[in-house]
């Protein structure tokens, strides 16, 4: 993706010390928040010394940035797993949304991190939203260039629509699930209600 430093993917089989540190930080930051997680705790979880964290990342803020860059890279990998010419035009966007949803389902720590980072209201956490918005804008441009996305709406409107589709369920589906559990006896059918999020002007 243009404009950001590449971070190694968040792969469970990447056993380098640097990757173990970042992966441990993701889980701990997601569970407890960045401010409440010390480098010592990250070091213990990763099986390394604090000195090695400082060697690889310098500061906790730089480690947080590495975690967020890796999260954005996971979105990019999921999106690019559905090439523009791999599906009938009408299905490309839908399949890309599904690819992102599968990625999030397979990496619950990313889901928890996103919920915490986006909803905590702190200005310095806006970097993640900006990076995801930039990635989404790049996707829209590619879709437009391939004739797969309308130019009727502005780029900003299309970015909002895609991000709300991809992330809206992330925040609201747990609420739907909780309410459904409380009224399980009254709901018909075996499946829980599935939230659909759209944006209208």
C-alpha atoms as a PDB file:
ATOM      1  CA  UNK A   1       0.000   0.000   0.000  1.00  0.00           C
ATOM      2  CA  UNK A   2       1.393   3.376  -0.912  1.00  0.00           C
ATOM      3  CA  UNK A   3       2.293   5.769   1.865  1.00  0.00           C
ATOM      4  CA  UNK A   4       2.972   3.465   4.791  1.00  0.00           C
ATOM      5  CA  UNK A   5       5.782   1.288   5.986  1.00  0.00           C
ATOM      6  CA  UNK A   6       5.216  -2.380   5.359  1.00  0.00           C
ATOM      7  CA  UNK A   7       4.812  -4.564   8.428  1.00  0.00           C
ATOM      8  CA  UNK A   8       5.213  -8.317   8.397  1.00  0.00           C
ATOM      9  CA  UNK A   9       1.890 -10.179   8.359  1.00  0.00           C
ATOM     10  CA  UNK A  10       0.361 -11.270  11.657  1.00  0.00           C
ATOM     11  CA  UNK A  11       1.044 -14.942  11.052  1.00  0.00           C
ATOM     12  CA  UNK A  12       0.924 -17.391  13.939  1.00  0.00           C
ATOM     13  CA  UNK A  13       3.733 -19.417  12.349  1.00  0.00           C
ATOM     14  CA  UNK A  14       6.113 -16.433  12.231  1.00  0.00           C
ATOM     15  CA  UNK A  15       8.360 -17.266  15.173  1.00  0.00           C
ATOM     16  CA  UNK A  16      10.949 -14.514  14.858  1.00  0.00           C
ATOM     17  CA  UNK A  17      11.428 -12.581  18.078  1.00  0.00           C
ATOM     18  CA  UNK A  18      10.252  -9.363  16.441  1.00  0.00           C
ATOM     19  CA  UNK A  19       7.029 -11.011  15.252  1.00  0.00           C
ATOM     20  CA  UNK A  20       6.450 -12.703  18.620  1.00  0.00           C
ATOM     21  CA  UNK A  21       6.770  -9.326  20.341  1.00  0.00           C
ATOM     22  CA  UNK A  22       4.321  -7.667  17.955  1.00  0.00           C
ATOM     23  CA  UNK A  23       1.821 -10.531  18.148  1.00  0.00           C
ATOM     24  CA  UNK A  24       1.972 -10.576  21.956  1.00  0.00           C
ATOM     25  CA  UNK A  25       1.496  -6.806  21.994  1.00  0.00           C
ATOM     26  CA  UNK A  26      -1.568  -7.096  19.744  1.00  0.00           C
ATOM     27  CA  UNK A  27      -3.226  -9.560  22.117  1.00  0.00           C
ATOM     28  CA  UNK A  28      -2.343  -7.596  25.256  1.00  0.00           C
ATOM     29  CA  UNK A  29      -3.246  -4.211  23.766  1.00  0.00           C
ATOM     30  CA  UNK A  30      -6.569  -5.694  22.616  1.00  0.00           C
ATOM     31  CA  UNK A  31      -7.320  -7.155  26.042  1.00  0.00           C
ATOM     32  CA  UNK A  32      -6.106  -4.352  28.294  1.00  0.00           C
ATOM     33  CA  UNK A  33      -5.505  -1.272  26.168  1.00  0.00           C
ATOM     34  CA  UNK A  34      -2.188   0.250  25.159  1.00  0.00           C
ATOM     35  CA  UNK A  35      -1.913   2.561  28.157  1.00  0.00           C
ATOM     36  CA  UNK A  36      -2.502  -0.259  30.654  1.00  0.00           C
ATOM     37  CA  UNK A  37       0.042  -2.625  29.057  1.00  0.00           C
ATOM     38  CA  UNK A  38       3.685  -2.284  30.035  1.00  0.00           C
ATOM     39  CA  UNK A  39       6.644  -3.374  27.939  1.00  0.00           C
ATOM     40  CA  UNK A  40       7.555  -5.739  30.770  1.00  0.00           C
ATOM     41  CA  UNK A  41       4.229  -7.558  30.396  1.00  0.00           C
ATOM     42  CA  UNK A  42       4.687  -7.737  26.616  1.00  0.00           C
ATOM     43  CA  UNK A  43       8.197  -9.109  27.105  1.00  0.00           C
ATOM     44  CA  UNK A  44       6.937 -11.832  29.457  1.00  0.00           C
ATOM     45  CA  UNK A  45       4.199 -12.849  27.029  1.00  0.00           C
ATOM     46  CA  UNK A  46       6.630 -12.946  24.092  1.00  0.00           C
ATOM     47  CA  UNK A  47       9.341 -14.763  26.039  1.00  0.00           C
ATOM     48  CA  UNK A  48      11.915 -12.019  25.478  1.00  0.00           C
ATOM     49  CA  UNK A  49      13.595  -9.265  27.475  1.00  0.00           C
ATOM     50  CA  UNK A  50      12.421  -5.665  27.609  1.00  0.00           C
ATOM     51  CA  UNK A  51      15.798  -4.772  26.111  1.00  0.00           C
ATOM     52  CA  UNK A  52      15.000  -6.807  23.001  1.00  0.00           C
ATOM     53  CA  UNK A  53      11.697  -4.968  22.590  1.00  0.00           C
ATOM     54  CA  UNK A  54      13.558  -1.671  22.808  1.00  0.00           C
ATOM     55  CA  UNK A  55      16.111  -2.982  20.301  1.00  0.00           C
ATOM     56  CA  UNK A  56      13.424  -3.885  17.748  1.00  0.00           C
ATOM     57  CA  UNK A  57      10.852  -1.148  18.373  1.00  0.00           C
ATOM     58  CA  UNK A  58      12.404   1.544  20.551  1.00  0.00           C
ATOM     59  CA  UNK A  59       9.282   2.652  22.431  1.00  0.00           C
ATOM     60  CA  UNK A  60       5.818   1.360  23.282  1.00  0.00           C
ATOM     61  CA  UNK A  61       4.343   3.928  20.908  1.00  0.00           C
ATOM     62  CA  UNK A  62       6.472   2.548  18.067  1.00  0.00           C
ATOM     63  CA  UNK A  63       5.330  -0.957  19.000  1.00  0.00           C
ATOM     64  CA  UNK A  64       1.706   0.208  18.883  1.00  0.00           C
ATOM     65  CA  UNK A  65       2.334   1.661  15.434  1.00  0.00           C
ATOM     66  CA  UNK A  66       3.857  -1.642  14.265  1.00  0.00           C
ATOM     67  CA  UNK A  67       0.772  -3.486  15.531  1.00  0.00           C
ATOM     68  CA  UNK A  68      -1.531  -1.119  13.650  1.00  0.00           C
ATOM     69  CA  UNK A  69       0.495  -1.300  10.437  1.00  0.00           C
ATOM     70  CA  UNK A  70       0.272  -5.080  10.612  1.00  0.00           C
ATOM     71  CA  UNK A  71      -3.501  -4.876  11.125  1.00  0.00           C
ATOM     72  CA  UNK A  72      -3.849  -2.666   8.028  1.00  0.00           C
ATOM     73  CA  UNK A  73      -1.677  -5.136   6.107  1.00  0.00           C
ATOM     74  CA  UNK A  74      -4.081  -7.924   7.082  1.00  0.00           C
ATOM     75  CA  UNK A  75      -6.966  -5.924   5.611  1.00  0.00           C
ATOM     76  CA  UNK A  76      -4.907  -5.395   2.455  1.00  0.00           C
ATOM     77  CA  UNK A  77      -4.068  -9.106   2.157  1.00  0.00           C
ATOM     78  CA  UNK A  78      -7.750 -10.016   2.601  1.00  0.00           C
ATOM     79  CA  UNK A  79      -8.865  -7.495  -0.038  1.00  0.00           C
ATOM     80  CA  UNK A  80      -6.220  -8.543  -2.538  1.00  0.00           C
ATOM     81  CA  UNK A  81      -7.135 -12.208  -2.083  1.00  0.00           C
ATOM     82  CA  UNK A  82     -10.038 -11.369  -4.422  1.00  0.00           C
ATOM     83  CA  UNK A  83      -8.373 -10.005  -7.595  1.00  0.00           C
ATOM     84  CA  UNK A  84     -10.382  -7.579  -9.695  1.00  0.00           C
ATOM     85  CA  UNK A  85     -10.721 -10.071 -12.554  1.00  0.00           C
ATOM     86  CA  UNK A  86     -11.462 -13.138 -10.412  1.00  0.00           C
ATOM     87  CA  UNK A  87     -15.238 -12.750 -10.166  1.00  0.00           C
ATOM     88  CA  UNK A  88     -18.090 -11.344 -12.220  1.00  0.00           C
ATOM     89  CA  UNK A  89     -17.960  -7.553 -11.712  1.00  0.00           C
ATOM     90  CA  UNK A  90     -21.025  -7.448  -9.462  1.00  0.00           C
ATOM     91  CA  UNK A  91     -19.471  -9.960  -7.061  1.00  0.00           C
ATOM     92  CA  UNK A  92     -15.999  -8.501  -6.561  1.00  0.00           C
ATOM     93  CA  UNK A  93     -16.992  -5.983  -3.869  1.00  0.00           C
ATOM     94  CA  UNK A  94     -19.173  -8.541  -2.076  1.00  0.00           C
ATOM     95  CA  UNK A  95     -16.411 -11.145  -2.134  1.00  0.00           C
ATOM     96  CA  UNK A  96     -13.889  -8.623  -0.837  1.00  0.00           C
ATOM     97  CA  UNK A  97     -16.211  -7.751   2.058  1.00  0.00           C
ATOM     98  CA  UNK A  98     -16.530 -11.473   2.804  1.00  0.00           C
ATOM     99  CA  UNK A  99     -12.748 -11.897   2.676  1.00  0.00           C
ATOM    100  CA  UNK A 100     -12.341  -9.120   5.239  1.00  0.00           C
ATOM    101  CA  UNK A 101     -15.048 -10.687   7.403  1.00  0.00           C
ATOM    102  CA  UNK A 102     -13.271 -14.064   7.282  1.00  0.00           C
ATOM    103  CA  UNK A 103      -9.970 -12.461   8.222  1.00  0.00           C
ATOM    104  CA  UNK A 104     -11.561 -10.766  11.216  1.00  0.00           C
ATOM    105  CA  UNK A 105     -13.263 -13.992  12.271  1.00  0.00           C
ATOM    106  CA  UNK A 106      -9.922 -15.822  12.155  1.00  0.00           C
ATOM    107  CA  UNK A 107      -8.082 -13.137  14.152  1.00  0.00           C
ATOM    108  CA  UNK A 108     -10.258 -12.152  17.121  1.00  0.00           C
ATOM    109  CA  UNK A 109      -7.438 -10.103  18.653  1.00  0.00           C
ATOM    110  CA  UNK A 110      -7.680  -7.732  15.677  1.00  0.00           C
ATOM    111  CA  UNK A 111     -11.413  -7.394  16.282  1.00  0.00           C
ATOM    112  CA  UNK A 112     -10.864  -6.612  19.968  1.00  0.00           C
ATOM    113  CA  UNK A 113      -8.062  -4.172  19.148  1.00  0.00           C
ATOM    114  CA  UNK A 114     -10.187  -2.352  16.577  1.00  0.00           C
ATOM    115  CA  UNK A 115     -13.101  -2.055  18.993  1.00  0.00           C
ATOM    116  CA  UNK A 116     -10.873  -0.647  21.704  1.00  0.00           C
ATOM    117  CA  UNK A 117      -8.788   1.630  19.456  1.00  0.00           C
ATOM    118  CA  UNK A 118     -11.640   3.112  17.456  1.00  0.00           C
ATOM    119  CA  UNK A 119     -14.064   3.561  20.327  1.00  0.00           C
ATOM    120  CA  UNK A 120     -11.667   4.922  22.954  1.00  0.00           C
ATOM    121  CA  UNK A 121     -12.027   8.459  21.601  1.00  0.00           C
ATOM    122  CA  UNK A 122      -8.367   9.423  21.953  1.00  0.00           C
ATOM    123  CA  UNK A 123      -6.988  11.564  19.152  1.00  0.00           C
ATOM    124  CA  UNK A 124      -3.721   9.675  18.837  1.00  0.00           C
ATOM    125  CA  UNK A 125      -5.634   6.515  18.031  1.00  0.00           C
ATOM    126  CA  UNK A 126      -7.010   8.125  14.887  1.00  0.00           C
ATOM    127  CA  UNK A 127      -4.000   6.897  12.936  1.00  0.00           C
ATOM    128  CA  UNK A 128      -5.580   3.472  12.524  1.00  0.00           C
ATOM    129  CA  UNK A 129      -8.807   4.872  11.101  1.00  0.00           C
ATOM    130  CA  UNK A 130      -6.798   7.087   8.744  1.00  0.00           C
ATOM    131  CA  UNK A 131      -4.724   4.146   7.523  1.00  0.00           C
ATOM    132  CA  UNK A 132      -7.790   1.971   6.963  1.00  0.00           C
ATOM    133  CA  UNK A 133      -9.496   4.873   5.165  1.00  0.00           C
ATOM    134  CA  UNK A 134      -6.449   5.310   2.921  1.00  0.00           C
ATOM    135  CA  UNK A 135      -6.437   1.603   2.100  1.00  0.00           C
ATOM    136  CA  UNK A 136     -10.159   1.694   1.327  1.00  0.00           C
ATOM    137  CA  UNK A 137      -9.731   4.765  -0.890  1.00  0.00           C
ATOM    138  CA  UNK A 138      -7.013   2.920  -2.793  1.00  0.00           C
ATOM    139  CA  UNK A 139      -9.396  -0.017  -3.243  1.00  0.00           C
ATOM    140  CA  UNK A 140     -12.148   2.289  -4.556  1.00  0.00           C
ATOM    141  CA  UNK A 141      -9.765   3.894  -7.050  1.00  0.00           C
ATOM    142  CA  UNK A 142      -8.741   0.464  -8.342  1.00  0.00           C
ATOM    143  CA  UNK A 143     -12.377  -0.589  -8.656  1.00  0.00           C
ATOM    144  CA  UNK A 144     -13.192   2.615 -10.525  1.00  0.00           C
ATOM    145  CA  UNK A 145     -10.227   2.215 -12.860  1.00  0.00           C
ATOM    146  CA  UNK A 146     -11.415  -1.327 -13.637  1.00  0.00           C
ATOM    147  CA  UNK A 147     -14.956  -0.101 -14.285  1.00  0.00           C
ATOM    148  CA  UNK A 148     -16.275  -2.025 -11.266  1.00  0.00           C
ATOM    149  CA  UNK A 149     -17.286   0.930  -9.106  1.00  0.00           C
ATOM    150  CA  UNK A 150     -19.613   3.798  -9.889  1.00  0.00           C
ATOM    151  CA  UNK A 151     -18.332   7.357 -10.034  1.00  0.00           C
ATOM    152  CA  UNK A 152     -21.791   8.687  -9.203  1.00  0.00           C
ATOM    153  CA  UNK A 153     -20.841   9.212  -5.544  1.00  0.00           C
ATOM    154  CA  UNK A 154     -17.743  10.940  -4.265  1.00  0.00           C
ATOM    155  CA  UNK A 155     -14.680   8.964  -3.235  1.00  0.00           C
ATOM    156  CA  UNK A 156     -15.345   9.885   0.390  1.00  0.00           C
ATOM    157  CA  UNK A 157     -18.915   8.605   0.239  1.00  0.00           C
ATOM    158  CA  UNK A 158     -17.758   5.292  -1.208  1.00  0.00           C
ATOM    159  CA  UNK A 159     -15.016   4.935   1.414  1.00  0.00           C
ATOM    160  CA  UNK A 160     -17.553   5.536   4.191  1.00  0.00           C
ATOM    161  CA  UNK A 161     -19.937   2.987   2.689  1.00  0.00           C
ATOM    162  CA  UNK A 162     -17.270   0.272   2.432  1.00  0.00           C
ATOM    163  CA  UNK A 163     -15.828   0.897   5.888  1.00  0.00           C
ATOM    164  CA  UNK A 164     -19.241   0.922   7.527  1.00  0.00           C
ATOM    165  CA  UNK A 165     -20.137  -2.328   5.776  1.00  0.00           C
ATOM    166  CA  UNK A 166     -16.877  -3.973   6.827  1.00  0.00           C
ATOM    167  CA  UNK A 167     -16.679  -2.585  10.362  1.00  0.00           C
ATOM    168  CA  UNK A 168     -20.283  -1.858  11.310  1.00  0.00           C
ATOM    169  CA  UNK A 169     -21.042  -5.449  12.190  1.00  0.00           C
ATOM    170  CA  UNK A 170     -17.792  -5.603  14.121  1.00  0.00           C
ATOM    171  CA  UNK A 171     -19.174  -3.173  16.697  1.00  0.00           C
ATOM    172  CA  UNK A 172     -22.902  -3.886  16.657  1.00  0.00           C
ATOM    173  CA  UNK A 173     -23.241  -7.643  16.089  1.00  0.00           C
ATOM    174  CA  UNK A 174     -22.327  -8.431  19.740  1.00  0.00           C
ATOM    175  CA  UNK A 175     -25.260  -6.243  20.820  1.00  0.00           C
ATOM    176  CA  UNK A 176     -27.582  -8.100  18.441  1.00  0.00           C
ATOM    177  CA  UNK A 177     -26.272 -11.443  19.758  1.00  0.00           C
ATOM    178  CA  UNK A 178     -26.826 -10.429  23.388  1.00  0.00           C
ATOM    179  CA  UNK A 179     -30.405  -9.328  22.760  1.00  0.00           C
ATOM    180  CA  UNK A 180     -31.070 -12.460  20.709  1.00  0.00           C
ATOM    181  CA  UNK A 181     -29.800 -14.633  23.579  1.00  0.00           C
ATOM    182  CA  UNK A 182     -32.209 -12.938  25.987  1.00  0.00           C
ATOM    183  CA  UNK A 183     -35.143 -13.711  23.704  1.00  0.00           C
ATOM    184  CA  UNK A 184     -33.888 -17.017  22.316  1.00  0.00           C
ATOM    185  CA  UNK A 185     -37.097 -18.866  23.231  1.00  0.00           C
ATOM    186  CA  UNK A 186     -39.195 -16.433  21.201  1.00  0.00           C
ATOM    187  CA  UNK A 187     -37.020 -16.339  18.095  1.00  0.00           C
ATOM    188  CA  UNK A 188     -38.028 -18.580  15.228  1.00  0.00           C
ATOM    189  CA  UNK A 189     -35.463 -20.641  13.391  1.00  0.00           C
ATOM    190  CA  UNK A 190     -32.139 -21.948  14.612  1.00  0.00           C
ATOM    191  CA  UNK A 191     -29.879 -19.091  13.501  1.00  0.00           C
ATOM    192  CA  UNK A 192     -29.305 -15.841  15.347  1.00  0.00           C
ATOM    193  CA  UNK A 193     -30.232 -12.613  13.583  1.00  0.00           C
ATOM    194  CA  UNK A 194     -27.411 -11.266  11.434  1.00  0.00           C
ATOM    195  CA  UNK A 195     -26.877  -7.529  11.339  1.00  0.00           C
ATOM    196  CA  UNK A 196     -26.718  -5.758   7.979  1.00  0.00           C
ATOM    197  CA  UNK A 197     -25.291  -2.238   7.915  1.00  0.00           C
ATOM    198  CA  UNK A 198     -25.823   0.249   5.078  1.00  0.00           C
ATOM    199  CA  UNK A 199     -25.172   3.942   4.585  1.00  0.00           C
ATOM    200  CA  UNK A 200     -27.705   6.245   2.938  1.00  0.00           C
ATOM    201  CA  UNK A 201     -27.575   9.892   1.968  1.00  0.00           C
END
